[in-house]
């Protein structure tokens, strides 16, 4: 799974989206409706990290790692090999309107969602 952790601007409230990576053609997103505190989200990520560690001597990654930091989610797009998530990775403040900041998207990152073990190769994907 991918875990998207989002927070409010003050970083006092957190929400978690869980994205299943075992389905090559379907987008399976689980919205954790619980609003976490900073301490609760750290404990959750710590438990997930511990639960995903491989045993000594086994190949593969251990625990959780941060794939990317982002300012927001543009959306999801499906191509020939499955779904991708499009994230805002760089922004620039352009204006304030009514006390709200307006940003310009400077850069994005597109991440393939399904795990490589279930990837369906298609020669036209690139």
N, C-alpha and C. Protein backbone atom coordinates (compact mmCIF):
# COMPACT_ATOMS: atom_id res chain seq x y z
N UNK A 1 0.82 -1.19 0.00
CA UNK A 1 0.00 0.00 0.00
C UNK A 1 0.86 1.24 0.00
N UNK A 2 0.28 2.29 -0.57
CA UNK A 2 0.80 3.63 -0.37
C UNK A 2 -0.07 4.27 0.70
N UNK A 3 0.53 5.05 1.56
CA UNK A 3 -0.19 5.80 2.57
C UNK A 3 0.05 7.28 2.31
N UNK A 4 -1.01 8.02 2.03
CA UNK A 4 -0.91 9.47 1.86
C UNK A 4 -1.34 10.10 3.16
N UNK A 5 -0.44 10.86 3.76
CA UNK A 5 -0.74 11.54 5.02
C UNK A 5 -0.82 13.03 4.71
N UNK A 6 -1.97 13.60 4.99
CA UNK A 6 -2.18 15.02 4.76
C UNK A 6 -2.46 15.73 6.07
N UNK A 7 -2.12 17.02 6.12
CA UNK A 7 -2.36 17.78 7.35
C UNK A 7 -2.95 19.13 7.01
N UNK A 8 -3.49 19.77 8.05
CA UNK A 8 -3.91 21.16 7.89
C UNK A 8 -2.66 22.04 7.92
N UNK A 9 -2.83 23.31 7.66
CA UNK A 9 -1.67 24.22 7.57
C UNK A 9 -0.89 24.29 8.88
N UNK A 10 -1.59 24.21 10.00
CA UNK A 10 -0.94 24.29 11.32
C UNK A 10 -0.33 22.96 11.76
N UNK A 11 -0.55 21.91 10.98
CA UNK A 11 -0.06 20.56 11.28
C UNK A 11 -0.54 20.08 12.66
N UNK A 12 -1.82 20.35 12.93
CA UNK A 12 -2.42 19.86 14.18
C UNK A 12 -3.44 18.76 13.92
N UNK A 13 -3.91 18.66 12.68
CA UNK A 13 -4.88 17.62 12.30
C UNK A 13 -4.36 16.90 11.07
N UNK A 14 -4.46 15.57 11.08
CA UNK A 14 -3.96 14.75 9.99
C UNK A 14 -5.03 13.77 9.53
N UNK A 15 -5.01 13.45 8.23
CA UNK A 15 -5.87 12.42 7.66
C UNK A 15 -5.01 11.49 6.84
N UNK A 16 -5.49 10.24 6.65
CA UNK A 16 -4.70 9.23 5.95
C UNK A 16 -5.55 8.60 4.85
N UNK A 17 -4.98 8.50 3.65
CA UNK A 17 -5.56 7.73 2.55
C UNK A 17 -4.68 6.51 2.34
N UNK A 18 -5.32 5.36 2.18
CA UNK A 18 -4.58 4.12 1.91
C UNK A 18 -4.88 3.71 0.48
N UNK A 19 -3.84 3.51 -0.31
CA UNK A 19 -4.00 3.13 -1.71
C UNK A 19 -3.47 1.72 -1.89
N UNK A 20 -4.36 0.82 -2.32
CA UNK A 20 -4.00 -0.58 -2.55
C UNK A 20 -3.16 -0.68 -3.82
N UNK A 21 -2.06 -1.41 -3.75
CA UNK A 21 -1.17 -1.54 -4.90
C UNK A 21 -1.21 -2.93 -5.52
N UNK A 22 -2.15 -3.78 -5.10
CA UNK A 22 -2.19 -5.15 -5.61
C UNK A 22 -3.10 -5.30 -6.82
N UNK A 23 -3.88 -4.28 -7.14
CA UNK A 23 -4.79 -4.33 -8.29
C UNK A 23 -4.17 -3.59 -9.47
N UNK A 24 -3.83 -4.29 -10.55
CA UNK A 24 -3.18 -3.61 -11.67
C UNK A 24 -4.11 -2.69 -12.46
N UNK A 25 -5.40 -2.97 -12.52
CA UNK A 25 -6.31 -2.21 -13.36
C UNK A 25 -7.33 -1.39 -12.59
N UNK A 26 -7.54 -1.67 -11.30
CA UNK A 26 -8.54 -0.95 -10.52
C UNK A 26 -7.86 -0.01 -9.53
N UNK A 27 -8.49 1.12 -9.28
CA UNK A 27 -8.00 2.08 -8.30
C UNK A 27 -8.77 1.84 -7.01
N UNK A 28 -8.07 1.33 -5.99
CA UNK A 28 -8.70 1.02 -4.71
C UNK A 28 -8.12 1.97 -3.66
N UNK A 29 -8.96 2.91 -3.20
CA UNK A 29 -8.55 3.89 -2.21
C UNK A 29 -9.43 3.75 -0.98
N UNK A 30 -8.80 3.67 0.18
CA UNK A 30 -9.52 3.58 1.44
C UNK A 30 -9.29 4.88 2.19
N UNK A 31 -10.38 5.57 2.49
CA UNK A 31 -10.32 6.84 3.21
C UNK A 31 -10.48 6.57 4.70
N UNK A 32 -9.42 6.74 5.46
CA UNK A 32 -9.47 6.60 6.90
C UNK A 32 -10.14 7.86 7.44
N UNK A 33 -11.35 7.74 7.93
CA UNK A 33 -12.15 8.90 8.34
C UNK A 33 -11.68 9.53 9.65
N UNK A 34 -10.77 8.85 10.36
CA UNK A 34 -10.30 9.35 11.64
C UNK A 34 -9.41 10.58 11.44
N UNK A 35 -9.58 11.58 12.28
CA UNK A 35 -8.70 12.75 12.27
C UNK A 35 -7.66 12.53 13.36
N UNK A 36 -6.40 12.44 12.95
CA UNK A 36 -5.30 12.14 13.85
C UNK A 36 -4.64 13.42 14.36
N UNK A 37 -4.07 13.32 15.56
CA UNK A 37 -3.18 14.37 16.05
C UNK A 37 -1.79 14.04 15.51
N UNK A 38 -0.84 14.95 15.71
CA UNK A 38 0.52 14.71 15.25
C UNK A 38 1.11 13.48 15.94
N UNK A 39 0.87 13.34 17.22
CA UNK A 39 1.38 12.19 17.97
C UNK A 39 0.73 10.89 17.48
N UNK A 40 -0.57 10.92 17.23
CA UNK A 40 -1.27 9.71 16.76
C UNK A 40 -0.79 9.28 15.38
N UNK A 41 -0.55 10.24 14.49
CA UNK A 41 -0.09 9.86 13.15
C UNK A 41 1.34 9.32 13.22
N UNK A 42 2.17 9.87 14.09
CA UNK A 42 3.52 9.32 14.27
C UNK A 42 3.47 7.89 14.79
N UNK A 43 2.58 7.63 15.77
CA UNK A 43 2.42 6.28 16.30
C UNK A 43 1.90 5.32 15.23
N UNK A 44 0.93 5.77 14.42
CA UNK A 44 0.40 4.95 13.34
C UNK A 44 1.50 4.58 12.35
N UNK A 45 2.26 5.57 11.92
CA UNK A 45 3.34 5.31 10.96
C UNK A 45 4.43 4.43 11.58
N UNK A 46 4.69 4.60 12.86
CA UNK A 46 5.65 3.74 13.55
C UNK A 46 5.19 2.29 13.58
N UNK A 47 3.89 2.07 13.85
CA UNK A 47 3.36 0.70 13.85
C UNK A 47 3.40 0.11 12.45
N UNK A 48 3.06 0.91 11.44
CA UNK A 48 3.12 0.42 10.06
C UNK A 48 4.55 0.09 9.66
N UNK A 49 5.49 0.93 10.07
CA UNK A 49 6.90 0.68 9.78
C UNK A 49 7.35 -0.62 10.41
N UNK A 50 7.02 -0.81 11.67
CA UNK A 50 7.42 -2.03 12.38
C UNK A 50 6.76 -3.27 11.78
N UNK A 51 5.49 -3.16 11.42
CA UNK A 51 4.77 -4.29 10.85
C UNK A 51 5.20 -4.66 9.45
N UNK A 52 5.87 -3.76 8.76
CA UNK A 52 6.30 -4.02 7.39
C UNK A 52 7.78 -4.34 7.25
N UNK A 53 8.46 -4.49 8.36
CA UNK A 53 9.89 -4.84 8.30
C UNK A 53 10.05 -6.30 7.92
N UNK A 54 11.03 -6.56 7.06
CA UNK A 54 11.31 -7.95 6.69
C UNK A 54 12.16 -8.60 7.76
N UNK A 55 12.12 -9.90 7.80
CA UNK A 55 12.94 -10.64 8.78
C UNK A 55 14.39 -10.62 8.33
N UNK A 56 15.27 -10.80 9.28
CA UNK A 56 16.71 -10.81 8.98
C UNK A 56 17.01 -11.87 7.92
N UNK A 57 17.83 -11.51 6.96
CA UNK A 57 18.25 -12.44 5.93
C UNK A 57 17.36 -12.46 4.70
N UNK A 58 16.17 -11.85 4.77
CA UNK A 58 15.30 -11.81 3.61
C UNK A 58 15.65 -10.61 2.74
N UNK A 59 15.47 -10.79 1.43
CA UNK A 59 15.71 -9.68 0.52
C UNK A 59 14.50 -8.76 0.51
N UNK A 60 14.71 -7.54 0.09
CA UNK A 60 13.61 -6.58 -0.02
C UNK A 60 13.78 -5.44 0.94
N UNK A 61 12.89 -4.48 0.81
CA UNK A 61 12.97 -3.30 1.66
C UNK A 61 12.39 -3.61 3.03
N UNK A 62 12.72 -2.78 3.97
CA UNK A 62 12.20 -2.99 5.31
C UNK A 62 11.48 -1.73 5.77
N UNK A 63 10.32 -1.94 6.34
CA UNK A 63 9.57 -0.83 6.92
C UNK A 63 9.01 0.12 5.88
N UNK A 64 8.67 1.30 6.33
CA UNK A 64 8.14 2.34 5.45
C UNK A 64 9.24 3.30 5.03
N UNK A 65 9.04 3.94 3.90
CA UNK A 65 9.93 5.02 3.51
C UNK A 65 9.09 6.07 2.79
N UNK A 66 9.55 7.30 2.86
CA UNK A 66 8.83 8.40 2.22
C UNK A 66 9.18 8.41 0.74
N UNK A 67 8.18 8.22 -0.08
CA UNK A 67 8.41 8.21 -1.53
C UNK A 67 8.56 9.64 -2.05
N UNK A 68 7.72 10.54 -1.57
CA UNK A 68 7.75 11.92 -2.04
C UNK A 68 6.99 12.80 -1.06
N UNK A 69 7.41 14.04 -0.95
CA UNK A 69 6.65 15.04 -0.21
C UNK A 69 5.93 15.90 -1.24
N UNK A 70 4.68 16.24 -0.93
CA UNK A 70 3.90 16.99 -1.91
C UNK A 70 3.01 18.01 -1.20
N UNK A 71 2.58 19.01 -1.97
CA UNK A 71 1.69 20.03 -1.47
C UNK A 71 0.22 19.68 -1.71
N UNK A 72 -0.02 18.76 -2.63
CA UNK A 72 -1.40 18.39 -2.93
C UNK A 72 -1.47 17.31 -3.98
N UNK A 73 -2.67 16.80 -4.14
CA UNK A 73 -2.96 15.77 -5.14
C UNK A 73 -3.75 16.43 -6.26
N UNK A 74 -3.21 16.36 -7.49
CA UNK A 74 -3.94 16.86 -8.65
C UNK A 74 -5.05 15.88 -9.00
N UNK A 75 -4.72 14.59 -8.97
CA UNK A 75 -5.71 13.57 -9.28
C UNK A 75 -5.05 12.27 -9.66
N UNK A 76 -5.84 11.40 -10.24
CA UNK A 76 -5.38 10.10 -10.68
C UNK A 76 -5.66 9.98 -12.17
N UNK A 77 -4.77 9.29 -12.87
CA UNK A 77 -4.96 9.09 -14.30
C UNK A 77 -4.65 7.62 -14.61
N UNK A 78 -5.43 7.06 -15.51
CA UNK A 78 -5.21 5.67 -15.91
C UNK A 78 -4.68 5.64 -17.32
N UNK A 79 -3.54 4.98 -17.49
CA UNK A 79 -2.99 4.74 -18.81
C UNK A 79 -3.10 3.25 -19.11
N UNK A 80 -2.29 2.75 -20.00
CA UNK A 80 -2.42 1.37 -20.45
C UNK A 80 -2.00 0.34 -19.41
N UNK A 81 -1.06 0.68 -18.55
CA UNK A 81 -0.56 -0.27 -17.55
C UNK A 81 -1.21 -0.09 -16.19
N UNK A 82 -2.12 0.84 -16.04
CA UNK A 82 -2.77 1.04 -14.75
C UNK A 82 -2.78 2.49 -14.33
N UNK A 83 -3.10 2.72 -13.07
CA UNK A 83 -3.28 4.07 -12.54
C UNK A 83 -1.98 4.71 -12.04
N UNK A 84 -1.95 6.02 -12.15
CA UNK A 84 -0.88 6.85 -11.63
C UNK A 84 -1.53 7.92 -10.75
N UNK A 85 -0.80 8.37 -9.75
CA UNK A 85 -1.23 9.51 -8.94
C UNK A 85 -0.37 10.70 -9.34
N UNK A 86 -1.00 11.86 -9.50
CA UNK A 86 -0.29 13.08 -9.89
C UNK A 86 -0.26 14.00 -8.66
N UNK A 87 0.96 14.31 -8.21
CA UNK A 87 1.17 15.10 -7.00
C UNK A 87 1.81 16.44 -7.32
N UNK A 88 1.45 17.47 -6.58
CA UNK A 88 2.08 18.79 -6.71
C UNK A 88 3.33 18.79 -5.84
N UNK A 89 4.50 18.90 -6.45
CA UNK A 89 5.75 18.85 -5.71
C UNK A 89 6.43 20.21 -5.57
N UNK A 90 6.01 21.18 -6.37
CA UNK A 90 6.59 22.52 -6.26
C UNK A 90 5.49 23.53 -6.59
N UNK A 91 5.43 24.59 -5.78
CA UNK A 91 4.40 25.61 -5.97
C UNK A 91 5.02 26.99 -5.72
N UNK A 92 4.31 28.03 -6.20
CA UNK A 92 4.74 29.40 -5.96
C UNK A 92 3.51 30.23 -5.64
N UNK A 93 3.60 30.97 -4.56
CA UNK A 93 2.48 31.84 -4.16
C UNK A 93 2.37 32.99 -5.15
N UNK A 94 1.17 33.18 -5.68
CA UNK A 94 0.95 34.21 -6.69
C UNK A 94 0.16 35.40 -6.14
N UNK A 95 -0.76 35.14 -5.19
CA UNK A 95 -1.62 36.22 -4.72
C UNK A 95 -2.32 35.80 -3.44
N UNK A 96 -2.95 36.79 -2.81
CA UNK A 96 -3.85 36.56 -1.69
C UNK A 96 -5.20 37.15 -2.08
N UNK A 97 -6.23 36.35 -1.96
CA UNK A 97 -7.58 36.82 -2.26
C UNK A 97 -8.46 36.50 -1.07
N UNK A 98 -8.99 37.53 -0.44
CA UNK A 98 -9.87 37.32 0.71
C UNK A 98 -9.20 36.56 1.84
N UNK A 99 -7.91 36.78 2.02
CA UNK A 99 -7.19 36.10 3.09
C UNK A 99 -6.74 34.68 2.74
N UNK A 100 -6.95 34.27 1.49
CA UNK A 100 -6.56 32.94 1.04
C UNK A 100 -5.42 33.05 0.03
N UNK A 101 -4.41 32.22 0.20
CA UNK A 101 -3.28 32.21 -0.71
C UNK A 101 -3.65 31.49 -2.00
N UNK A 102 -3.23 32.04 -3.13
CA UNK A 102 -3.43 31.44 -4.44
C UNK A 102 -2.05 31.03 -4.94
N UNK A 103 -1.91 29.75 -5.31
CA UNK A 103 -0.62 29.22 -5.73
C UNK A 103 -0.65 28.82 -7.19
N UNK A 104 0.51 28.89 -7.80
CA UNK A 104 0.73 28.38 -9.15
C UNK A 104 1.49 27.07 -9.02
N UNK A 105 1.06 26.06 -9.74
CA UNK A 105 1.78 24.78 -9.72
C UNK A 105 3.03 24.92 -10.57
N UNK A 106 4.18 24.69 -9.96
CA UNK A 106 5.47 24.80 -10.66
C UNK A 106 5.97 23.44 -11.16
N UNK A 107 5.67 22.37 -10.40
CA UNK A 107 6.15 21.04 -10.81
C UNK A 107 5.24 19.97 -10.22
N UNK A 108 5.16 18.86 -10.91
CA UNK A 108 4.37 17.72 -10.46
C UNK A 108 5.20 16.45 -10.55
N UNK A 109 4.70 15.42 -9.90
CA UNK A 109 5.34 14.11 -9.96
C UNK A 109 4.24 13.09 -10.18
N UNK A 110 4.46 12.18 -11.12
CA UNK A 110 3.48 11.15 -11.42
C UNK A 110 4.05 9.81 -10.96
N UNK A 111 3.34 9.12 -10.07
CA UNK A 111 3.82 7.88 -9.48
C UNK A 111 2.90 6.74 -9.89
N UNK A 112 3.50 5.68 -10.42
CA UNK A 112 2.76 4.48 -10.80
C UNK A 112 2.27 3.79 -9.54
N UNK A 113 0.99 3.47 -9.47
CA UNK A 113 0.42 2.94 -8.24
C UNK A 113 0.62 1.43 -8.08
N UNK A 114 0.22 0.59 -9.05
CA UNK A 114 0.35 -0.86 -8.79
C UNK A 114 1.80 -1.29 -8.54
N UNK A 115 1.95 -2.27 -7.69
CA UNK A 115 3.25 -2.84 -7.38
C UNK A 115 3.82 -3.47 -8.65
N UNK A 116 5.14 -3.43 -8.81
CA UNK A 116 5.77 -3.99 -10.00
C UNK A 116 5.46 -5.48 -10.18
N UNK A 117 5.16 -6.19 -9.10
CA UNK A 117 4.88 -7.63 -9.20
C UNK A 117 3.55 -7.90 -9.92
N UNK A 118 2.65 -6.90 -9.98
CA UNK A 118 1.38 -7.08 -10.68
C UNK A 118 1.30 -6.20 -11.94
N UNK A 119 2.40 -5.58 -12.30
CA UNK A 119 2.42 -4.67 -13.45
C UNK A 119 2.12 -5.43 -14.74
N UNK A 120 1.25 -4.84 -15.55
CA UNK A 120 0.91 -5.39 -16.85
C UNK A 120 1.67 -4.57 -17.88
N UNK A 121 2.67 -5.17 -18.50
CA UNK A 121 3.50 -4.43 -19.45
C UNK A 121 2.75 -4.19 -20.76
N UNK A 122 2.90 -2.98 -21.26
CA UNK A 122 2.31 -2.60 -22.53
C UNK A 122 3.34 -1.78 -23.29
N UNK A 123 3.65 -2.14 -24.54
CA UNK A 123 4.73 -1.47 -25.25
C UNK A 123 4.46 0.02 -25.53
N UNK A 124 3.22 0.46 -25.52
CA UNK A 124 2.89 1.85 -25.81
C UNK A 124 2.79 2.73 -24.56
N UNK A 125 3.07 2.18 -23.38
CA UNK A 125 2.90 2.94 -22.14
C UNK A 125 3.76 4.19 -22.09
N UNK A 126 5.00 4.12 -22.53
CA UNK A 126 5.87 5.29 -22.43
C UNK A 126 5.39 6.41 -23.31
